[in-house]
């Protein structure tokens, strides 16, 4: 999965024509599945805040929904999101999907065109695939390789 998150973020940060918007790419994810996804996703849902959401926000990717966790006041938060990126849940437009497991119905309502998840997230990949193409990333093996240039 080397460069996967960086490639996704760079693809979404560029301006695309309507013809390019239909372009698709295929990769093999960390579960060994071939996944075909939009080359320039416009609505990404991420199922881990620190390991997926925050790096993508830092790279300017269009994250519309994220896994979260309760903050000190009990309100949902993206861990380190506001501190590092200035982004959090509403009113920023990022939908709170809950913790683990995430809320599948809320995810479907967010209408992502790409879902990024981890190998340990309890949501079933088959359920996620019914909503949008889903790339599984093994964050436990270390993300350094995924972000190398």
N, C-alpha and C. Protein backbone atom coordinates (compact mmCIF):
# COMPACT_ATOMS: atom_id res chain seq x y z
N UNK A 1 0.83 -1.19 0.00
CA UNK A 1 0.00 0.00 0.00
C UNK A 1 0.87 1.25 0.00
N UNK A 2 2.13 1.09 -0.34
CA UNK A 2 3.05 2.21 -0.37
C UNK A 2 2.47 3.33 -1.23
N UNK A 3 2.44 4.51 -0.67
CA UNK A 3 1.99 5.72 -1.37
C UNK A 3 0.48 5.81 -1.60
N UNK A 4 -0.29 4.86 -1.11
CA UNK A 4 -1.73 4.86 -1.40
C UNK A 4 -2.40 6.13 -0.92
N UNK A 5 -2.22 6.49 0.35
CA UNK A 5 -2.89 7.67 0.87
C UNK A 5 -2.40 8.93 0.19
N UNK A 6 -1.10 9.02 -0.06
CA UNK A 6 -0.56 10.20 -0.73
C UNK A 6 -1.11 10.30 -2.15
N UNK A 7 -1.16 9.20 -2.85
CA UNK A 7 -1.68 9.22 -4.21
C UNK A 7 -3.14 9.64 -4.23
N UNK A 8 -3.92 9.11 -3.29
CA UNK A 8 -5.34 9.49 -3.22
C UNK A 8 -5.49 10.98 -2.94
N UNK A 9 -4.71 11.48 -2.01
CA UNK A 9 -4.82 12.90 -1.65
C UNK A 9 -4.40 13.79 -2.80
N UNK A 10 -3.31 13.45 -3.47
CA UNK A 10 -2.85 14.27 -4.59
C UNK A 10 -3.85 14.23 -5.73
N UNK A 11 -4.46 13.08 -5.96
CA UNK A 11 -5.45 12.98 -7.03
C UNK A 11 -6.65 13.85 -6.75
N UNK A 12 -7.06 13.94 -5.49
CA UNK A 12 -8.24 14.72 -5.16
C UNK A 12 -7.93 16.21 -5.08
N UNK A 13 -6.68 16.57 -4.92
CA UNK A 13 -6.32 17.97 -4.78
C UNK A 13 -6.17 18.66 -6.14
N UNK A 14 -6.15 17.88 -7.21
CA UNK A 14 -5.98 18.48 -8.53
C UNK A 14 -7.33 18.73 -9.18
N UNK A 15 -7.37 19.70 -10.07
CA UNK A 15 -8.59 20.00 -10.81
C UNK A 15 -8.74 18.98 -11.93
N UNK A 16 -9.95 18.45 -12.09
CA UNK A 16 -10.18 17.47 -13.14
C UNK A 16 -11.33 17.91 -14.03
N UNK A 17 -11.25 17.51 -15.28
CA UNK A 17 -12.34 17.79 -16.21
C UNK A 17 -13.42 16.73 -16.01
N UNK A 18 -14.64 16.96 -16.52
CA UNK A 18 -15.69 15.95 -16.39
C UNK A 18 -15.28 14.59 -16.94
N UNK A 19 -14.52 14.57 -18.04
CA UNK A 19 -14.08 13.29 -18.60
C UNK A 19 -13.14 12.58 -17.65
N UNK A 20 -12.23 13.33 -17.02
CA UNK A 20 -11.30 12.73 -16.08
C UNK A 20 -12.00 12.26 -14.82
N UNK A 21 -13.09 12.91 -14.46
CA UNK A 21 -13.79 12.56 -13.23
C UNK A 21 -14.30 11.13 -13.27
N UNK A 22 -14.50 10.56 -14.46
CA UNK A 22 -14.99 9.20 -14.60
C UNK A 22 -13.85 8.17 -14.59
N UNK A 23 -12.61 8.62 -14.61
CA UNK A 23 -11.48 7.70 -14.61
C UNK A 23 -11.47 6.87 -13.34
N UNK A 24 -11.11 5.60 -13.50
CA UNK A 24 -11.04 4.69 -12.36
C UNK A 24 -9.64 4.10 -12.30
N UNK A 25 -9.24 3.70 -11.11
CA UNK A 25 -7.97 3.03 -10.89
C UNK A 25 -8.24 1.73 -10.15
N UNK A 26 -7.35 0.78 -10.28
CA UNK A 26 -7.46 -0.48 -9.56
C UNK A 26 -6.16 -0.73 -8.81
N UNK A 27 -6.29 -1.07 -7.54
CA UNK A 27 -5.13 -1.43 -6.72
C UNK A 27 -5.45 -2.73 -5.98
N UNK A 28 -4.42 -3.32 -5.39
CA UNK A 28 -4.61 -4.46 -4.49
C UNK A 28 -4.43 -3.92 -3.09
N UNK A 29 -5.47 -4.07 -2.25
CA UNK A 29 -5.39 -3.53 -0.89
C UNK A 29 -4.67 -4.50 0.03
N UNK A 30 -4.57 -4.16 1.31
CA UNK A 30 -3.82 -4.97 2.26
C UNK A 30 -4.52 -6.26 2.67
N UNK A 31 -5.71 -6.51 2.15
CA UNK A 31 -6.37 -7.80 2.33
C UNK A 31 -6.21 -8.66 1.08
N UNK A 32 -5.45 -8.14 0.10
CA UNK A 32 -5.22 -8.87 -1.13
C UNK A 32 -6.36 -8.79 -2.13
N UNK A 33 -7.28 -7.86 -1.91
CA UNK A 33 -8.44 -7.69 -2.79
C UNK A 33 -8.13 -6.64 -3.85
N UNK A 34 -8.54 -6.88 -5.08
CA UNK A 34 -8.45 -5.85 -6.11
C UNK A 34 -9.63 -4.92 -5.94
N UNK A 35 -9.34 -3.62 -5.83
CA UNK A 35 -10.38 -2.62 -5.61
C UNK A 35 -10.27 -1.57 -6.72
N UNK A 36 -11.38 -1.34 -7.40
CA UNK A 36 -11.45 -0.29 -8.41
C UNK A 36 -12.17 0.90 -7.78
N UNK A 37 -11.54 2.06 -7.84
CA UNK A 37 -12.06 3.26 -7.17
C UNK A 37 -11.87 4.47 -8.08
N UNK A 38 -12.61 5.57 -7.83
CA UNK A 38 -12.46 6.77 -8.65
C UNK A 38 -11.03 7.32 -8.56
N UNK A 39 -10.46 7.68 -9.70
CA UNK A 39 -9.11 8.23 -9.72
C UNK A 39 -9.03 9.55 -8.96
N UNK A 40 -10.11 10.29 -8.93
CA UNK A 40 -10.16 11.57 -8.21
C UNK A 40 -11.40 11.58 -7.32
N UNK A 41 -11.36 10.82 -6.20
CA UNK A 41 -12.55 10.77 -5.34
C UNK A 41 -12.91 12.16 -4.81
N UNK A 42 -14.20 12.41 -4.71
CA UNK A 42 -14.68 13.71 -4.24
C UNK A 42 -15.27 13.66 -2.84
N UNK A 43 -15.56 12.44 -2.35
CA UNK A 43 -16.20 12.27 -1.04
C UNK A 43 -15.61 11.03 -0.38
N UNK A 44 -14.60 11.22 0.46
CA UNK A 44 -13.92 10.10 1.10
C UNK A 44 -14.42 9.93 2.53
N UNK A 45 -14.71 8.68 2.90
CA UNK A 45 -15.02 8.34 4.29
C UNK A 45 -13.85 7.53 4.83
N UNK A 46 -13.40 7.87 6.03
CA UNK A 46 -12.28 7.17 6.64
C UNK A 46 -12.72 6.55 7.96
N UNK A 47 -12.27 5.31 8.22
CA UNK A 47 -12.73 4.60 9.40
C UNK A 47 -11.67 4.51 10.49
N UNK A 48 -10.74 5.45 10.49
CA UNK A 48 -9.87 5.66 11.65
C UNK A 48 -9.40 7.11 11.62
N UNK A 49 -9.62 7.81 12.73
CA UNK A 49 -9.33 9.24 12.75
C UNK A 49 -7.85 9.57 12.66
N UNK A 50 -7.05 9.06 13.58
CA UNK A 50 -5.63 9.45 13.62
C UNK A 50 -4.83 8.88 12.46
N UNK A 51 -5.09 7.62 12.10
CA UNK A 51 -4.24 6.97 11.10
C UNK A 51 -4.69 7.22 9.66
N UNK A 52 -5.93 7.61 9.45
CA UNK A 52 -6.41 7.85 8.09
C UNK A 52 -6.94 9.27 7.89
N UNK A 53 -7.84 9.72 8.76
CA UNK A 53 -8.48 11.02 8.57
C UNK A 53 -7.49 12.17 8.64
N UNK A 54 -6.73 12.25 9.72
CA UNK A 54 -5.84 13.39 9.92
C UNK A 54 -4.80 13.51 8.80
N UNK A 55 -4.10 12.43 8.41
CA UNK A 55 -3.14 12.59 7.31
C UNK A 55 -3.80 13.05 6.01
N UNK A 56 -5.00 12.53 5.72
CA UNK A 56 -5.67 12.96 4.49
C UNK A 56 -6.10 14.42 4.56
N UNK A 57 -6.58 14.86 5.71
CA UNK A 57 -6.94 16.28 5.87
C UNK A 57 -5.71 17.17 5.69
N UNK A 58 -4.58 16.73 6.22
CA UNK A 58 -3.34 17.50 6.08
C UNK A 58 -2.93 17.62 4.61
N UNK A 59 -3.28 16.61 3.82
CA UNK A 59 -2.93 16.62 2.40
C UNK A 59 -4.01 17.27 1.53
N UNK A 60 -5.08 17.73 2.15
CA UNK A 60 -6.13 18.44 1.41
C UNK A 60 -7.18 17.55 0.77
N UNK A 61 -7.26 16.29 1.16
CA UNK A 61 -8.25 15.37 0.58
C UNK A 61 -9.65 15.71 1.07
N UNK A 62 -10.67 15.43 0.25
CA UNK A 62 -12.05 15.75 0.60
C UNK A 62 -12.70 14.71 1.52
N UNK A 63 -12.31 14.71 2.78
CA UNK A 63 -12.89 13.79 3.76
C UNK A 63 -14.26 14.33 4.17
N UNK A 64 -15.31 13.51 3.99
CA UNK A 64 -16.67 13.95 4.32
C UNK A 64 -17.23 13.22 5.54
N UNK A 65 -16.60 12.10 5.93
CA UNK A 65 -17.08 11.34 7.09
C UNK A 65 -15.89 10.62 7.71
N UNK A 66 -15.91 10.51 9.05
CA UNK A 66 -14.78 9.90 9.75
C UNK A 66 -15.21 9.17 11.00
N UNK A 67 -14.47 8.14 11.31
CA UNK A 67 -14.50 7.50 12.63
C UNK A 67 -14.14 8.59 13.63
N UNK A 68 -14.67 8.52 14.81
CA UNK A 68 -14.34 9.50 15.84
C UNK A 68 -14.28 8.84 17.20
N UNK A 69 -14.17 9.66 18.21
CA UNK A 69 -14.14 9.17 19.59
C UNK A 69 -14.65 10.27 20.49
N UNK A 70 -15.09 9.92 21.70
CA UNK A 70 -15.57 10.96 22.62
C UNK A 70 -14.41 11.83 23.11
N UNK A 71 -14.62 13.14 23.10
CA UNK A 71 -13.64 14.07 23.65
C UNK A 71 -13.80 14.19 25.14
N UNK A 72 -12.99 15.02 25.78
CA UNK A 72 -13.06 15.21 27.23
C UNK A 72 -14.44 15.65 27.72
N UNK A 73 -15.15 16.39 26.87
CA UNK A 73 -16.49 16.85 27.25
C UNK A 73 -17.59 15.89 26.82
N UNK A 74 -17.21 14.75 26.23
CA UNK A 74 -18.18 13.76 25.78
C UNK A 74 -18.63 13.95 24.35
N UNK A 75 -18.35 15.12 23.77
CA UNK A 75 -18.73 15.38 22.38
C UNK A 75 -17.79 14.61 21.44
N UNK A 76 -18.29 14.15 20.29
CA UNK A 76 -17.42 13.42 19.37
C UNK A 76 -16.33 14.32 18.81
N UNK A 77 -15.16 13.72 18.60
CA UNK A 77 -14.03 14.47 18.05
C UNK A 77 -13.19 13.58 17.16
N UNK A 78 -12.45 14.22 16.27
CA UNK A 78 -11.42 13.56 15.48
C UNK A 78 -10.14 13.77 16.27
N UNK A 79 -9.57 12.70 16.80
CA UNK A 79 -8.41 12.84 17.67
C UNK A 79 -7.30 13.60 16.95
N UNK A 80 -6.87 14.69 17.54
CA UNK A 80 -5.83 15.59 17.02
C UNK A 80 -6.27 16.36 15.78
N UNK A 81 -7.49 16.17 15.30
CA UNK A 81 -7.95 16.83 14.08
C UNK A 81 -7.93 18.33 14.16
N UNK A 82 -8.57 18.91 15.19
CA UNK A 82 -8.61 20.37 15.31
C UNK A 82 -7.22 20.93 15.54
N UNK A 83 -6.45 20.25 16.39
CA UNK A 83 -5.11 20.73 16.73
C UNK A 83 -4.20 20.73 15.50
N UNK A 84 -4.20 19.65 14.74
CA UNK A 84 -3.26 19.52 13.63
C UNK A 84 -3.76 20.09 12.31
N UNK A 85 -5.07 20.04 12.08
CA UNK A 85 -5.58 20.43 10.76
C UNK A 85 -6.61 21.55 10.79
N UNK A 86 -7.15 21.84 11.98
CA UNK A 86 -8.20 22.84 12.08
C UNK A 86 -9.56 22.29 11.70
N UNK A 87 -9.64 20.98 11.43
CA UNK A 87 -10.90 20.35 11.04
C UNK A 87 -11.43 19.46 12.15
N UNK A 88 -12.74 19.42 12.26
CA UNK A 88 -13.41 18.53 13.21
C UNK A 88 -14.74 18.12 12.62
N UNK A 89 -15.63 17.66 13.48
CA UNK A 89 -16.97 17.32 13.01
C UNK A 89 -17.77 18.60 12.84
N UNK A 90 -19.06 18.49 12.52
CA UNK A 90 -19.91 19.66 12.26
C UNK A 90 -19.51 20.80 13.17
N UNK A 91 -19.51 22.03 12.70
CA UNK A 91 -20.03 22.55 11.44
C UNK A 91 -19.07 22.44 10.27
N UNK A 92 -17.94 21.76 10.41
CA UNK A 92 -16.98 21.66 9.31
C UNK A 92 -17.47 20.80 8.16
N UNK A 93 -18.57 20.10 8.37
CA UNK A 93 -19.09 19.26 7.30
C UNK A 93 -18.59 17.84 7.33
N UNK A 94 -17.72 17.47 8.27
CA UNK A 94 -17.27 16.09 8.38
C UNK A 94 -18.26 15.36 9.29
N UNK A 95 -18.85 14.29 8.78
CA UNK A 95 -19.86 13.54 9.50
C UNK A 95 -19.20 12.57 10.48
N UNK A 96 -19.71 12.52 11.71
CA UNK A 96 -19.23 11.61 12.74
C UNK A 96 -19.83 10.23 12.52
N UNK A 97 -18.99 9.23 12.26
CA UNK A 97 -19.46 7.87 12.03
C UNK A 97 -19.50 7.03 13.30
N UNK A 98 -19.09 7.62 14.42
CA UNK A 98 -19.02 6.84 15.65
C UNK A 98 -17.65 6.22 15.80
N UNK A 99 -17.55 5.31 16.77
CA UNK A 99 -16.24 4.75 17.08
C UNK A 99 -16.08 3.37 16.46
N UNK A 100 -16.12 2.32 17.22
CA UNK A 100 -15.89 0.99 16.69
C UNK A 100 -16.89 0.02 17.29
N UNK A 101 -17.87 -0.46 16.56
CA UNK A 101 -18.01 -0.31 15.12
C UNK A 101 -18.64 1.04 14.75
N UNK A 102 -18.39 1.45 13.53
CA UNK A 102 -18.99 2.71 13.04
C UNK A 102 -20.46 2.47 12.72
N UNK A 103 -21.20 3.55 12.54
CA UNK A 103 -22.62 3.47 12.22
C UNK A 103 -22.77 3.38 10.69
N UNK A 104 -23.12 2.20 10.21
CA UNK A 104 -23.23 1.94 8.77
C UNK A 104 -24.28 2.83 8.12
N UNK A 105 -25.40 3.06 8.79
CA UNK A 105 -26.47 3.90 8.21
C UNK A 105 -26.00 5.34 8.02
N UNK A 106 -25.28 5.86 9.01
CA UNK A 106 -24.76 7.22 8.90
C UNK A 106 -23.73 7.29 7.76
N UNK A 107 -22.91 6.25 7.65
CA UNK A 107 -21.94 6.19 6.55
C UNK A 107 -22.65 6.23 5.20
N UNK A 108 -23.70 5.45 5.04
CA UNK A 108 -24.44 5.43 3.77
C UNK A 108 -25.04 6.80 3.47
N UNK A 109 -25.56 7.48 4.49
CA UNK A 109 -26.14 8.81 4.30
C UNK A 109 -25.09 9.84 3.88
N UNK A 110 -23.84 9.64 4.28
CA UNK A 110 -22.76 10.57 3.90
C UNK A 110 -22.42 10.45 2.41
N UNK A 111 -22.84 9.38 1.77
CA UNK A 111 -22.67 9.15 0.33
C UNK A 111 -21.23 9.29 -0.15
N UNK A 112 -20.28 8.57 0.47
CA UNK A 112 -18.90 8.66 -0.02
C UNK A 112 -18.76 7.96 -1.37
N UNK A 113 -17.75 8.39 -2.14
CA UNK A 113 -17.44 7.65 -3.36
C UNK A 113 -16.21 6.77 -3.16
N UNK A 114 -15.63 6.82 -1.94
CA UNK A 114 -14.51 5.97 -1.57
C UNK A 114 -14.50 5.83 -0.05
N UNK A 115 -14.27 4.60 0.42
CA UNK A 115 -14.15 4.34 1.86
C UNK A 115 -12.76 3.77 2.11
N UNK A 116 -12.06 4.33 3.09
CA UNK A 116 -10.77 3.79 3.53
C UNK A 116 -10.97 3.25 4.94
N UNK A 117 -10.59 2.00 5.16
CA UNK A 117 -10.76 1.39 6.46
C UNK A 117 -9.49 0.66 6.87
N UNK A 118 -9.50 0.15 8.09
CA UNK A 118 -8.36 -0.59 8.63
C UNK A 118 -8.71 -2.07 8.71
N UNK A 119 -7.69 -2.89 8.89
CA UNK A 119 -7.92 -4.33 9.00
C UNK A 119 -8.63 -4.69 10.29
N UNK A 120 -8.59 -3.83 11.27
CA UNK A 120 -9.20 -4.16 12.56
C UNK A 120 -10.55 -3.51 12.80
N UNK A 121 -11.01 -2.65 11.91
CA UNK A 121 -12.33 -2.03 12.07
C UNK A 121 -13.39 -3.12 12.01
N UNK A 122 -14.36 -3.06 12.91
CA UNK A 122 -15.34 -4.13 13.02
C UNK A 122 -16.39 -4.13 11.92
N UNK A 123 -16.50 -3.08 11.16
CA UNK A 123 -17.48 -3.04 10.06
C UNK A 123 -17.07 -4.07 9.00
N UNK A 124 -18.03 -4.82 8.52
CA UNK A 124 -17.78 -5.84 7.51
C UNK A 124 -17.47 -5.17 6.17
N UNK A 125 -16.39 -5.58 5.54
CA UNK A 125 -15.99 -5.00 4.26
C UNK A 125 -17.10 -5.18 3.23
N UNK A 126 -17.78 -6.32 3.24
CA UNK A 126 -18.87 -6.54 2.28
C UNK A 126 -19.97 -5.49 2.44
N UNK A 127 -20.28 -5.11 3.69
CA UNK A 127 -21.28 -4.06 3.93
C UNK A 127 -20.78 -2.72 3.41
N UNK A 128 -19.51 -2.43 3.65
CA UNK A 128 -18.93 -1.17 3.21
C UNK A 128 -18.94 -1.09 1.68
N UNK A 129 -18.60 -2.20 1.02
CA UNK A 129 -18.56 -2.25 -0.45
C UNK A 129 -19.91 -1.96 -1.07
N UNK A 130 -21.00 -2.24 -0.35
CA UNK A 130 -22.34 -1.93 -0.87
C UNK A 130 -22.56 -0.42 -0.95
N UNK A 131 -21.80 0.33 -0.17
CA UNK A 131 -21.93 1.79 -0.13
C UNK A 131 -21.00 2.45 -1.14
N UNK A 132 -19.73 2.03 -1.15
CA UNK A 132 -18.74 2.62 -2.05
C UNK A 132 -17.53 1.70 -2.12
N UNK A 133 -16.68 1.86 -3.15
CA UNK A 133 -15.44 1.08 -3.19
C UNK A 133 -14.70 1.27 -1.87
N UNK A 134 -14.16 0.16 -1.35
CA UNK A 134 -13.54 0.18 -0.03
C UNK A 134 -12.12 -0.37 -0.10
N UNK A 135 -11.16 0.43 0.35
CA UNK A 135 -9.76 0.03 0.40
C UNK A 135 -9.42 -0.25 1.86
N UNK A 136 -8.89 -1.46 2.12
CA UNK A 136 -8.49 -1.85 3.47
C UNK A 136 -6.99 -1.65 3.60
N UNK A 137 -6.59 -0.90 4.64
CA UNK A 137 -5.18 -0.59 4.89
C UNK A 137 -4.78 -1.20 6.22
N UNK A 138 -3.69 -1.96 6.23
CA UNK A 138 -3.19 -2.56 7.46
C UNK A 138 -2.34 -1.53 8.20
N UNK A 139 -2.98 -0.78 9.09
CA UNK A 139 -2.27 0.26 9.83
C UNK A 139 -1.40 -0.31 10.93
N UNK A 140 -1.61 -1.56 11.29
CA UNK A 140 -0.82 -2.17 12.35
C UNK A 140 0.58 -2.54 11.89
N UNK A 141 0.79 -2.66 10.58
CA UNK A 141 2.11 -3.00 10.07
C UNK A 141 2.99 -1.77 9.92
N UNK A 142 2.45 -0.61 10.26
CA UNK A 142 3.22 0.62 10.18
C UNK A 142 2.84 1.41 8.95
N UNK A 143 2.55 2.70 9.14
CA UNK A 143 2.14 3.55 8.03
C UNK A 143 3.32 4.21 7.32
N UNK A 144 4.50 4.08 7.85
CA UNK A 144 5.62 4.80 7.23
C UNK A 144 5.74 4.49 5.75
N UNK A 145 5.59 3.23 5.38
CA UNK A 145 5.69 2.86 3.98
C UNK A 145 4.59 3.47 3.14
N UNK A 146 3.41 3.66 3.73
CA UNK A 146 2.29 4.22 2.98
C UNK A 146 2.49 5.69 2.66
N UNK A 147 3.35 6.37 3.39
CA UNK A 147 3.53 7.80 3.20
C UNK A 147 4.88 8.16 2.59
N UNK A 148 5.69 7.18 2.24
CA UNK A 148 6.99 7.47 1.66
C UNK A 148 6.83 8.10 0.29
N UNK A 149 7.74 8.99 -0.03
CA UNK A 149 7.74 9.61 -1.37
C UNK A 149 8.74 8.89 -2.25
